[in-house]
């Protein structure tokens, strides 16, 4: 009986780890897509405003430590343009806006996400 209990414990731990990995991978792509959409809804935004937009749509566990590396990736891909502006409330801020390439990436995300939603709904 002890052996069965130990095996069940190992299996449960493995399932939890697999679920976490799968959710993490799924979430990464979705957060990147949502970030494209959030930036695309405004003329331009700085980092803190972007995190507030995530919170406004109910995704309040996306930290600045998640957002900034994705913004850096977007910059490298030429999906965003940036502008540094002085702020009356403290240090200068870096504003982000979608470039033409970013708008194409956004449209691609929307199309792919819609396809996955349709597949999910057909299987549900």
Protein backbone atom coordinates (compact mmCIF):
# COMPACT_ATOMS: atom_id res chain seq x y z
CA UNK A 1 0.00 0.00 0.00
CA UNK A 2 2.86 2.37 0.80
CA UNK A 3 4.28 1.78 -2.69
CA UNK A 4 0.94 2.69 -4.32
CA UNK A 5 0.71 5.84 -2.22
CA UNK A 6 4.24 6.84 -3.20
CA UNK A 7 3.52 6.20 -6.89
CA UNK A 8 0.32 8.23 -6.76
CA UNK A 9 2.20 11.06 -5.07
CA UNK A 10 4.84 11.02 -7.84
CA UNK A 11 2.18 10.93 -10.57
CA UNK A 12 0.26 13.83 -9.03
CA UNK A 13 3.45 15.90 -8.76
CA UNK A 14 4.31 15.14 -12.41
CA UNK A 15 0.83 16.11 -13.58
CA UNK A 16 1.03 19.39 -11.66
CA UNK A 17 4.44 20.13 -13.20
CA UNK A 18 3.20 19.27 -16.69
CA UNK A 19 0.10 21.45 -16.21
CA UNK A 20 2.31 24.31 -15.03
CA UNK A 21 4.66 23.98 -18.00
CA UNK A 22 1.81 23.81 -20.49
CA UNK A 23 0.00 26.73 -18.89
CA UNK A 24 3.23 28.72 -18.79
CA UNK A 25 3.88 28.15 -22.49
CA UNK A 26 0.29 28.90 -23.44
CA UNK A 27 0.22 32.00 -21.27
CA UNK A 28 3.48 33.35 -22.74
CA UNK A 29 2.05 33.45 -26.25
CA UNK A 30 -1.23 34.91 -25.10
CA UNK A 31 0.43 37.63 -23.02
CA UNK A 32 2.56 38.62 -26.02
CA UNK A 33 -0.53 38.78 -28.22
CA UNK A 34 -2.51 40.73 -25.65
CA UNK A 35 0.42 43.13 -25.33
CA UNK A 36 0.30 43.76 -29.09
CA UNK A 37 -3.43 44.40 -28.83
CA UNK A 38 -3.11 46.70 -25.80
CA UNK A 39 -0.43 48.82 -27.46
CA UNK A 40 -2.45 48.85 -30.68
CA UNK A 41 -5.51 50.30 -28.94
CA UNK A 42 -3.68 53.49 -28.00
CA UNK A 43 -1.56 56.05 -29.79
CA UNK A 44 1.29 55.20 -27.40
CA UNK A 45 1.78 53.90 -23.88
CA UNK A 46 4.60 53.66 -21.35
CA UNK A 47 5.33 50.57 -19.26
CA UNK A 48 3.23 51.31 -16.19
CA UNK A 49 0.23 52.27 -18.35
CA UNK A 50 0.55 48.93 -20.12
CA UNK A 51 0.51 47.03 -16.82
CA UNK A 52 -2.60 49.00 -15.81
CA UNK A 53 -4.29 48.02 -19.08
CA UNK A 54 -3.60 44.36 -18.29
CA UNK A 55 -5.16 44.86 -14.85
CA UNK A 56 -8.15 46.63 -16.45
CA UNK A 57 -8.92 43.54 -18.57
CA UNK A 58 -8.61 41.24 -15.55
CA UNK A 59 -5.05 40.02 -16.13
CA UNK A 60 -3.54 41.60 -13.05
CA UNK A 61 -0.74 39.10 -12.47
CA UNK A 62 1.40 40.25 -15.42
CA UNK A 63 4.35 42.00 -13.82
CA UNK A 64 6.66 44.63 -15.22
CA UNK A 65 9.30 41.90 -15.11
CA UNK A 66 7.22 40.08 -17.72
CA UNK A 67 6.23 43.10 -19.79
CA UNK A 68 9.63 44.74 -20.30
CA UNK A 69 11.41 41.69 -21.79
CA UNK A 70 8.53 41.28 -24.25
CA UNK A 71 8.72 44.97 -25.16
CA UNK A 72 12.46 44.50 -25.76
CA UNK A 73 11.67 41.56 -28.04
CA UNK A 74 9.11 43.70 -29.87
CA UNK A 75 11.74 46.42 -30.34
CA UNK A 76 14.22 43.89 -31.79
CA UNK A 77 11.50 42.63 -34.15
CA UNK A 78 10.66 46.22 -35.16
CA UNK A 79 7.09 45.71 -33.95
CA UNK A 80 7.12 48.87 -31.86
CA UNK A 81 8.52 52.33 -32.16
CA UNK A 82 9.73 54.06 -29.04
CA UNK A 83 10.08 57.61 -27.84
CA UNK A 84 11.56 58.85 -24.59
CA UNK A 85 9.73 61.81 -23.08
CA UNK A 86 10.29 63.87 -20.00
CA UNK A 87 7.76 63.43 -17.26
CA UNK A 88 6.49 66.03 -14.81
CA UNK A 89 6.08 63.23 -12.26
CA UNK A 90 9.64 61.84 -12.20
CA UNK A 91 12.16 60.36 -14.60
CA UNK A 92 11.69 60.28 -18.36
CA UNK A 93 9.40 57.59 -19.73
CA UNK A 94 9.74 55.35 -22.74
CA UNK A 95 6.58 55.29 -24.83
CA UNK A 96 5.69 52.41 -27.14
CA UNK A 97 3.55 52.45 -30.28
CA UNK A 98 2.92 49.72 -32.83
CA UNK A 99 4.91 50.03 -36.03
CA UNK A 100 3.59 48.83 -39.39
CA UNK A 101 5.31 45.49 -38.70
CA UNK A 102 3.71 45.41 -35.27
CA UNK A 103 0.28 45.93 -36.77
CA UNK A 104 0.91 42.93 -39.04
CA UNK A 105 1.99 40.86 -36.02
CA UNK A 106 -1.14 42.00 -34.18
CA UNK A 107 -3.38 41.00 -37.11
CA UNK A 108 -1.61 37.63 -37.28
CA UNK A 109 -2.16 37.05 -33.55
CA UNK A 110 -5.85 37.96 -33.82
CA UNK A 111 -6.32 35.59 -36.75
CA UNK A 112 -4.50 32.69 -35.10
CA UNK A 113 -6.19 33.24 -31.74
CA UNK A 114 -9.62 33.32 -33.40
CA UNK A 115 -8.78 30.03 -35.14
CA UNK A 116 -7.81 28.43 -31.84
CA UNK A 117 -10.98 29.69 -30.19
CA UNK A 118 -13.04 28.17 -33.01
CA UNK A 119 -11.22 24.86 -32.69
CA UNK A 120 -11.69 24.90 -28.92
CA UNK A 121 -15.41 25.63 -29.28
CA UNK A 122 -15.84 22.84 -31.82
CA UNK A 123 -14.20 20.36 -29.45
CA UNK A 124 -15.99 21.47 -26.33
